[in-house]
Amino acid sequence: MKILAVDSSGQVASAAIVTEDAVLAEYSVDFKKTHSQTLLPMIDEVLRMTETDGTELDAIAVAAGPGSFTGLRIGASTVKGLAMIWEKPIVAVPTVDSLACNVAGTNRLVCPIMDARRGQVYTGLYQFVDNGLVVLKEQDCMMLEEILHEIQEHSHGREVIFLGDGVPVYRERIDAELDVGHTFAPVHLAKQSAGALGFLAISFLHMGKTTTAMDFVPEYCRLSQAERELAEKK
């Protein structure tokens, strides 16, 4: 199998060509440019460098949310367009699940945290069994103290590793409020990676978890700011 994996759910824009055996190419940018500027050129480059024609792909994988509303929409529109042109299925991968796969194989509990603003984080809780991802708590948007409580419930003495763009925001609070042994992923594993997303997408593809360009819709996990403001006015 060969897939194109795309992640624009957070600060990093990332594209990769992934097979069952290797990440053939990965291109990531986290520097002062919008995803609308970077994503298509990155996709074009990984296809060109691996001599891959889009029609040869088995599927296109995308970070399906949660995350940046604008980033998710850019990723969704890009992938839906390519899937229509190449007539390929879409593998919609939960963003937080994908982020957990950055540290695949660890024997620690894994807790990705993405800053959702307003004191909230997009998060979940995971472990790996024989390198396979096991979801202990499905991704959701919640207050930091809620996920710290979940960690206390699930740790049973195990250390937990945190990663994601929420770490710099909440690291001091985690250190102060969490009694469970914990650590933080190194910088090269801390943010979104299309290679890690592709790793999980391959397993989804084997299980037949695909959707169509017409049916795919990002999962935001909460209302947008405009929707919240409208609800408050009502």
C-alpha atoms as a PDB file:
ATOM      1  CA  MET A   1       0.000   0.000   0.000  1.00  0.00           C
ATOM      2  CA  LYS A   2       1.078   3.580  -0.647  1.00  0.00           C
ATOM      3  CA  ILE A   3      -0.735   6.624   0.721  1.00  0.00           C
ATOM      4  CA  LEU A   4      -0.387  10.380   0.800  1.00  0.00           C
ATOM      5  CA  ALA A   5      -0.750  11.666   4.373  1.00  0.00           C
ATOM      6  CA  VAL A   6      -1.560  15.307   5.125  1.00  0.00           C
ATOM      7  CA  ASP A   7      -1.761  17.131   8.465  1.00  0.00           C
ATOM      8  CA  SER A   8      -2.639  20.819   8.800  1.00  0.00           C
ATOM      9  CA  SER A   9      -4.493  20.572  12.106  1.00  0.00           C
ATOM     10  CA  GLY A  10      -2.022  22.593  14.173  1.00  0.00           C
ATOM     11  CA  GLN A  11       0.943  24.915  13.876  1.00  0.00           C
ATOM     12  CA  VAL A  12       2.853  22.461  11.696  1.00  0.00           C
ATOM     13  CA  ALA A  13       1.925  21.727   8.087  1.00  0.00           C
ATOM     14  CA  SER A  14       3.112  18.266   7.082  1.00  0.00           C
ATOM     15  CA  ALA A  15       2.825  15.968   4.061  1.00  0.00           C
ATOM     16  CA  ALA A  16       4.263  12.492   3.572  1.00  0.00           C
ATOM     17  CA  ILE A  17       4.270   9.476   1.276  1.00  0.00           C
ATOM     18  CA  VAL A  18       3.946   6.368   3.424  1.00  0.00           C
ATOM     19  CA  THR A  19       3.956   2.635   2.684  1.00  0.00           C
ATOM     20  CA  GLU A  20       3.508  -0.302   5.025  1.00  0.00           C
ATOM     21  CA  ASP A  21       7.283  -0.534   5.399  1.00  0.00           C
ATOM     22  CA  ALA A  22       8.564   3.032   5.255  1.00  0.00           C
ATOM     23  CA  VAL A  23       8.007   6.750   5.282  1.00  0.00           C
ATOM     24  CA  LEU A  24       9.331   7.407   1.784  1.00  0.00           C
ATOM     25  CA  ALA A  25       9.240  11.192   2.099  1.00  0.00           C
ATOM     26  CA  GLU A  26       8.057  13.717   4.649  1.00  0.00           C
ATOM     27  CA  TYR A  27       7.971  17.501   4.420  1.00  0.00           C
ATOM     28  CA  SER A  28       7.052  19.615   7.449  1.00  0.00           C
ATOM     29  CA  VAL A  29       7.031  23.364   7.980  1.00  0.00           C
ATOM     30  CA  ASP A  30       6.494  25.289  11.229  1.00  0.00           C
ATOM     31  CA  PHE A  31       7.532  28.805  10.275  1.00  0.00           C
ATOM     32  CA  LYS A  32       5.573  32.014   9.686  1.00  0.00           C
ATOM     33  CA  LYS A  33       3.538  30.831   6.716  1.00  0.00           C
ATOM     34  CA  THR A  34      -0.105  29.872   6.430  1.00  0.00           C
ATOM     35  CA  HIS A  35      -1.111  26.347   5.520  1.00  0.00           C
ATOM     36  CA  SER A  36      -2.779  27.732   2.414  1.00  0.00           C
ATOM     37  CA  GLN A  37       0.672  28.853   1.257  1.00  0.00           C
ATOM     38  CA  THR A  38       2.592  25.699   2.117  1.00  0.00           C
ATOM     39  CA  LEU A  39       0.391  22.631   1.849  1.00  0.00           C
ATOM     40  CA  LEU A  40      -0.001  22.147  -1.913  1.00  0.00           C
ATOM     41  CA  PRO A  41       3.681  22.871  -2.686  1.00  0.00           C
ATOM     42  CA  MET A  42       4.679  20.353  -0.002  1.00  0.00           C
ATOM     43  CA  ILE A  43       2.369  17.705  -1.426  1.00  0.00           C
ATOM     44  CA  ASP A  44       3.729  18.336  -4.909  1.00  0.00           C
ATOM     45  CA  GLU A  45       7.301  17.979  -3.616  1.00  0.00           C
ATOM     46  CA  VAL A  46       6.837  14.657  -1.793  1.00  0.00           C
ATOM     47  CA  LEU A  47       5.054  13.225  -4.840  1.00  0.00           C
ATOM     48  CA  ARG A  48       7.836  14.447  -7.138  1.00  0.00           C
ATOM     49  CA  MET A  49      10.692  13.249  -4.926  1.00  0.00           C
ATOM     50  CA  THR A  50       9.191   9.748  -4.653  1.00  0.00           C
ATOM     51  CA  GLU A  51       8.243   9.648  -8.341  1.00  0.00           C
ATOM     52  CA  THR A  52       4.647   9.003  -7.342  1.00  0.00           C
ATOM     53  CA  ASP A  53       1.673   9.762  -9.543  1.00  0.00           C
ATOM     54  CA  GLY A  54      -1.476  10.510  -7.565  1.00  0.00           C
ATOM     55  CA  THR A  55      -3.350   7.838  -9.481  1.00  0.00           C
ATOM     56  CA  GLU A  56      -0.951   5.214  -8.051  1.00  0.00           C
ATOM     57  CA  LEU A  57      -1.993   5.913  -4.459  1.00  0.00           C
ATOM     58  CA  ASP A  58      -4.249   3.552  -2.534  1.00  0.00           C
ATOM     59  CA  ALA A  59      -5.740   6.375  -0.460  1.00  0.00           C
ATOM     60  CA  ILE A  60      -5.215   9.865   0.924  1.00  0.00           C
ATOM     61  CA  ALA A  61      -5.020  10.241   4.706  1.00  0.00           C
ATOM     62  CA  VAL A  62      -5.813  13.463   6.525  1.00  0.00           C
ATOM     63  CA  ALA A  63      -5.881  14.722  10.090  1.00  0.00           C
ATOM     64  CA  ALA A  64      -9.632  14.864  10.579  1.00  0.00           C
ATOM     65  CA  GLY A  65      -9.675  16.996  13.726  1.00  0.00           C
ATOM     66  CA  PRO A  66      -9.822  18.388  16.244  1.00  0.00           C
ATOM     67  CA  GLY A  67      -7.424  21.280  15.839  1.00  0.00           C
ATOM     68  CA  SER A  68      -7.232  24.707  14.282  1.00  0.00           C
ATOM     69  CA  PHE A  69     -10.551  25.374  12.544  1.00  0.00           C
ATOM     70  CA  THR A  70      -8.833  27.144   9.659  1.00  0.00           C
ATOM     71  CA  GLY A  71      -6.116  24.499   9.380  1.00  0.00           C
ATOM     72  CA  LEU A  72      -8.625  21.670   9.346  1.00  0.00           C
ATOM     73  CA  ARG A  73     -10.665  23.349   6.625  1.00  0.00           C
ATOM     74  CA  ILE A  74      -7.580  23.910   4.464  1.00  0.00           C
ATOM     75  CA  GLY A  75      -6.559  20.272   4.881  1.00  0.00           C
ATOM     76  CA  ALA A  76     -10.074  19.011   4.214  1.00  0.00           C
ATOM     77  CA  SER A  77     -10.593  21.064   1.066  1.00  0.00           C
ATOM     78  CA  THR A  78      -7.165  20.110  -0.278  1.00  0.00           C
ATOM     79  CA  VAL A  79      -7.626  16.400   0.326  1.00  0.00           C
ATOM     80  CA  LYS A  80     -11.223  16.341  -0.929  1.00  0.00           C
ATOM     81  CA  GLY A  81     -10.133  18.004  -4.157  1.00  0.00           C
ATOM     82  CA  LEU A  82      -7.258  15.591  -4.738  1.00  0.00           C
ATOM     83  CA  ALA A  83      -9.418  12.585  -3.851  1.00  0.00           C
ATOM     84  CA  MET A  84     -11.970  13.643  -6.453  1.00  0.00           C
ATOM     85  CA  ILE A  85      -9.343  14.225  -9.143  1.00  0.00           C
ATOM     86  CA  TRP A  86      -7.539  10.931  -8.515  1.00  0.00           C
ATOM     87  CA  GLU A  87     -10.699   8.993  -7.556  1.00  0.00           C
ATOM     88  CA  LYS A  88      -9.231   7.809  -4.259  1.00  0.00           C
ATOM     89  CA  PRO A  89     -10.770   7.068  -0.847  1.00  0.00           C
ATOM     90  CA  ILE A  90      -9.997   9.263   2.148  1.00  0.00           C
ATOM     91  CA  VAL A  91      -8.718   7.880   5.447  1.00  0.00           C
ATOM     92  CA  ALA A  92      -9.884  10.267   8.170  1.00  0.00           C
ATOM     93  CA  VAL A  93      -7.501   9.971  11.125  1.00  0.00           C
ATOM     94  CA  PRO A  94      -8.338  11.535  14.513  1.00  0.00           C
ATOM     95  CA  THR A  95      -5.754  14.253  15.115  1.00  0.00           C
ATOM     96  CA  VAL A  96      -4.982  13.395  18.735  1.00  0.00           C
ATOM     97  CA  ASP A  97      -4.680   9.669  17.956  1.00  0.00           C
ATOM     98  CA  SER A  98      -2.222  10.528  15.194  1.00  0.00           C
ATOM     99  CA  LEU A  99      -0.191  12.761  17.503  1.00  0.00           C
ATOM    100  CA  ALA A 100       0.102   9.901  20.002  1.00  0.00           C
ATOM    101  CA  CYS A 101       1.732   7.805  17.270  1.00  0.00           C
ATOM    102  CA  ASN A 102       4.775  10.110  17.340  1.00  0.00           C
ATOM    103  CA  VAL A 103       5.956   8.055  20.312  1.00  0.00           C
ATOM    104  CA  ALA A 104       4.760   4.641  19.094  1.00  0.00           C
ATOM    105  CA  GLY A 105       6.270   1.758  21.039  1.00  0.00           C
ATOM    106  CA  THR A 106       6.693   3.552  24.355  1.00  0.00           C
ATOM    107  CA  ASN A 107       5.682   1.651  27.486  1.00  0.00           C
ATOM    108  CA  ARG A 108       4.420   4.868  29.085  1.00  0.00           C
ATOM    109  CA  LEU A 109       0.901   6.205  28.965  1.00  0.00           C
ATOM    110  CA  VAL A 110       0.671   8.786  26.185  1.00  0.00           C
ATOM    111  CA  CYS A 111      -1.187  12.074  26.607  1.00  0.00           C
ATOM    112  CA  PRO A 112      -1.147  14.509  23.672  1.00  0.00           C
ATOM    113  CA  ILE A 113      -2.384  18.001  24.520  1.00  0.00           C
ATOM    114  CA  MET A 114      -3.189  20.643  21.914  1.00  0.00           C
ATOM    115  CA  ASP A 115      -3.955  24.148  23.098  1.00  0.00           C
ATOM    116  CA  ALA A 116      -7.657  24.815  22.446  1.00  0.00           C
ATOM    117  CA  ARG A 117      -7.596  28.229  24.185  1.00  0.00           C
ATOM    118  CA  ARG A 118      -9.989  29.371  26.912  1.00  0.00           C
ATOM    119  CA  GLY A 119      -8.179  27.071  29.360  1.00  0.00           C
ATOM    120  CA  GLN A 120      -9.074  23.978  27.320  1.00  0.00           C
ATOM    121  CA  VAL A 121      -7.054  21.320  25.526  1.00  0.00           C
ATOM    122  CA  TYR A 122      -7.746  18.799  22.787  1.00  0.00           C
ATOM    123  CA  THR A 123      -6.521  15.597  24.345  1.00  0.00           C
ATOM    124  CA  GLY A 124      -6.916  11.854  24.845  1.00  0.00           C
ATOM    125  CA  LEU A 125      -5.148   9.037  26.640  1.00  0.00           C
ATOM    126  CA  TYR A 126      -3.368   6.114  24.967  1.00  0.00           C
ATOM    127  CA  GLN A 127      -1.019   3.192  25.340  1.00  0.00           C
ATOM    128  CA  PHE A 128       0.799   0.941  22.904  1.00  0.00           C
ATOM    129  CA  VAL A 129       0.482  -2.845  22.913  1.00  0.00           C
ATOM    130  CA  ASP A 130       2.771  -4.662  20.456  1.00  0.00           C
ATOM    131  CA  ASN A 131       3.249  -1.294  18.717  1.00  0.00           C
ATOM    132  CA  GLY A 132      -0.513  -1.023  18.185  1.00  0.00           C
ATOM    133  CA  LEU A 133      -2.352   2.044  19.474  1.00  0.00           C
ATOM    134  CA  VAL A 134      -4.888   1.395  22.233  1.00  0.00           C
ATOM    135  CA  VAL A 135      -7.297   4.230  23.042  1.00  0.00           C
ATOM    136  CA  LEU A 136      -7.942   4.534  26.786  1.00  0.00           C
ATOM    137  CA  LYS A 137      -9.825   7.816  26.522  1.00  0.00           C
ATOM    138  CA  GLU A 138     -11.091   9.035  23.168  1.00  0.00           C
ATOM    139  CA  GLN A 139     -10.023  12.450  21.972  1.00  0.00           C
ATOM    140  CA  ASP A 140     -12.106  15.337  23.270  1.00  0.00           C
ATOM    141  CA  CYS A 141     -11.961  18.984  24.254  1.00  0.00           C
ATOM    142  CA  MET A 142     -11.737  19.492  28.012  1.00  0.00           C
ATOM    143  CA  MET A 143     -10.177  21.513  30.787  1.00  0.00           C
ATOM    144  CA  LEU A 144      -6.598  20.547  31.668  1.00  0.00           C
ATOM    145  CA  GLU A 145      -7.581  19.459  35.170  1.00  0.00           C
ATOM    146  CA  GLU A 146     -10.016  16.940  33.699  1.00  0.00           C
ATOM    147  CA  ILE A 147      -7.369  15.060  31.735  1.00  0.00           C
ATOM    148  CA  LEU A 148      -4.988  15.188  34.704  1.00  0.00           C
ATOM    149  CA  HIS A 149      -7.715  13.487  36.749  1.00  0.00           C
ATOM    150  CA  GLU A 150      -8.109  10.829  34.021  1.00  0.00           C
ATOM    151  CA  ILE A 151      -4.367  10.182  34.142  1.00  0.00           C
ATOM    152  CA  GLN A 152      -4.565   9.637  37.905  1.00  0.00           C
ATOM    153  CA  GLU A 153      -7.323   7.081  37.277  1.00  0.00           C
ATOM    154  CA  HIS A 154      -5.506   5.170  34.521  1.00  0.00           C
ATOM    155  CA  SER A 155      -1.823   5.372  35.453  1.00  0.00           C
ATOM    156  CA  HIS A 156      -1.601   2.507  37.992  1.00  0.00           C
ATOM    157  CA  GLY A 157       1.956   3.549  38.720  1.00  0.00           C
ATOM    158  CA  ARG A 158       3.016   4.016  35.107  1.00  0.00           C
ATOM    159  CA  GLU A 159       4.748   7.153  33.916  1.00  0.00           C
ATOM    160  CA  VAL A 160       2.992   9.320  31.326  1.00  0.00           C
ATOM    161  CA  ILE A 161       4.562  11.181  28.407  1.00  0.00           C
ATOM    162  CA  PHE A 162       3.058  14.461  27.200  1.00  0.00           C
ATOM    163  CA  LEU A 163       3.415  15.953  23.736  1.00  0.00           C
ATOM    164  CA  GLY A 164       1.718  18.545  21.549  1.00  0.00           C
ATOM    165  CA  ASP A 165       1.644  22.317  21.230  1.00  0.00           C
ATOM    166  CA  GLY A 166      -0.157  22.537  24.580  1.00  0.00           C
ATOM    167  CA  VAL A 167       2.955  21.441  26.455  1.00  0.00           C
ATOM    168  CA  PRO A 168       4.723  24.841  26.422  1.00  0.00           C
ATOM    169  CA  VAL A 169       1.470  26.464  27.550  1.00  0.00           C
ATOM    170  CA  TYR A 170       0.675  24.075  30.403  1.00  0.00           C
ATOM    171  CA  ARG A 171       3.981  22.472  31.383  1.00  0.00           C
ATOM    172  CA  GLU A 172       4.317  24.379  34.649  1.00  0.00           C
ATOM    173  CA  ARG A 173       0.774  23.484  35.684  1.00  0.00           C
ATOM    174  CA  ILE A 174       1.329  19.814  34.830  1.00  0.00           C
ATOM    175  CA  ASP A 175       4.489  19.739  36.936  1.00  0.00           C
ATOM    176  CA  ALA A 176       2.693  21.439  39.821  1.00  0.00           C
ATOM    177  CA  GLU A 177      -0.617  19.556  39.743  1.00  0.00           C
ATOM    178  CA  LEU A 178       0.172  16.016  38.575  1.00  0.00           C
ATOM    179  CA  ASP A 179       1.408  13.535  41.183  1.00  0.00           C
ATOM    180  CA  VAL A 180       2.034  10.777  38.619  1.00  0.00           C
ATOM    181  CA  GLY A 181       5.554  10.401  37.228  1.00  0.00           C
ATOM    182  CA  HIS A 182       5.734  12.141  33.869  1.00  0.00           C
ATOM    183  CA  THR A 183       7.979  13.386  31.117  1.00  0.00           C
ATOM    184  CA  PHE A 184       7.708  15.417  27.933  1.00  0.00           C
ATOM    185  CA  ALA A 185       8.490  14.345  24.375  1.00  0.00           C
ATOM    186  CA  PRO A 186      11.623  15.822  22.787  1.00  0.00           C
ATOM    187  CA  VAL A 187      11.117  18.679  20.374  1.00  0.00           C
ATOM    188  CA  HIS A 188      11.431  16.549  17.209  1.00  0.00           C
ATOM    189  CA  LEU A 189       8.524  14.359  18.358  1.00  0.00           C
ATOM    190  CA  ALA A 190       6.388  17.012  19.993  1.00  0.00           C
ATOM    191  CA  LYS A 191       4.149  18.226  17.147  1.00  0.00           C
ATOM    192  CA  GLN A 192       2.111  16.877  14.253  1.00  0.00           C
ATOM    193  CA  SER A 193       3.836  14.599  11.746  1.00  0.00           C
ATOM    194  CA  ALA A 194       2.331  13.323   8.507  1.00  0.00           C
ATOM    195  CA  GLY A 195       4.599  10.290   8.801  1.00  0.00           C
ATOM    196  CA  ALA A 196       3.017   9.333  12.135  1.00  0.00           C
ATOM    197  CA  LEU A 197      -0.434  10.022  10.703  1.00  0.00           C
ATOM    198  CA  GLY A 198       0.361   7.733   7.775  1.00  0.00           C
ATOM    199  CA  PHE A 199       1.516   5.004  10.187  1.00  0.00           C
ATOM    200  CA  LEU A 200      -1.950   4.971  11.778  1.00  0.00           C
ATOM    201  CA  ALA A 201      -3.777   5.481   8.472  1.00  0.00           C
ATOM    202  CA  ILE A 202      -2.256   2.298   7.012  1.00  0.00           C
ATOM    203  CA  SER A 203      -3.839   0.271   9.826  1.00  0.00           C
ATOM    204  CA  PHE A 204      -7.181   2.044   9.251  1.00  0.00           C
ATOM    205  CA  LEU A 205      -6.953   1.237   5.550  1.00  0.00           C
ATOM    206  CA  HIS A 206      -6.409  -2.467   6.310  1.00  0.00           C
ATOM    207  CA  MET A 207      -9.589  -2.383   8.403  1.00  0.00           C
ATOM    208  CA  GLY A 208     -11.549  -0.700   5.614  1.00  0.00           C
ATOM    209  CA  LYS A 209     -12.005   2.546   7.542  1.00  0.00           C
ATOM    210  CA  THR A 210     -12.332   4.932   4.613  1.00  0.00           C
ATOM    211  CA  THR A 211     -14.733   7.592   3.446  1.00  0.00           C
ATOM    212  CA  THR A 212     -15.361   9.475   0.218  1.00  0.00           C
ATOM    213  CA  ALA A 213     -14.521  13.015  -0.807  1.00  0.00           C
ATOM    214  CA  MET A 214     -18.230  13.814  -0.792  1.00  0.00           C
ATOM    215  CA  ASP A 215     -18.821  12.441   2.709  1.00  0.00           C
ATOM    216  CA  PHE A 216     -15.702  13.558   4.589  1.00  0.00           C
ATOM    217  CA  VAL A 217     -16.287  16.289   7.182  1.00  0.00           C
ATOM    218  CA  PRO A 218     -13.705  17.441   9.775  1.00  0.00           C
ATOM    219  CA  GLU A 219     -14.397  16.762  13.452  1.00  0.00           C
ATOM    220  CA  TYR A 220     -14.089  20.028  15.370  1.00  0.00           C
ATOM    221  CA  CYS A 221     -15.062  18.717  18.847  1.00  0.00           C
ATOM    222  CA  ARG A 222     -16.426  22.113  19.833  1.00  0.00           C
ATOM    223  CA  LEU A 223     -18.161  25.176  18.396  1.00  0.00           C
ATOM    224  CA  SER A 224     -16.157  27.822  16.568  1.00  0.00           C
ATOM    225  CA  GLN A 225     -15.677  31.236  18.186  1.00  0.00           C
ATOM    226  CA  ALA A 226     -18.341  32.751  15.909  1.00  0.00           C
ATOM    227  CA  GLU A 227     -20.785  29.971  16.833  1.00  0.00           C
ATOM    228  CA  ARG A 228     -20.043  30.412  20.552  1.00  0.00           C
ATOM    229  CA  GLU A 229     -20.563  34.170  20.340  1.00  0.00           C
ATOM    230  CA  LEU A 230     -23.870  33.673  18.502  1.00  0.00           C
ATOM    231  CA  ALA A 231     -25.029  31.167  21.125  1.00  0.00           C
ATOM    232  CA  GLU A 232     -24.097  33.576  23.926  1.00  0.00           C
ATOM    233  CA  LYS A 233     -26.105  36.369  22.294  1.00  0.00           C
ATOM    234  CA  LYS A 234     -29.119  34.101  21.967  1.00  0.00           C
END
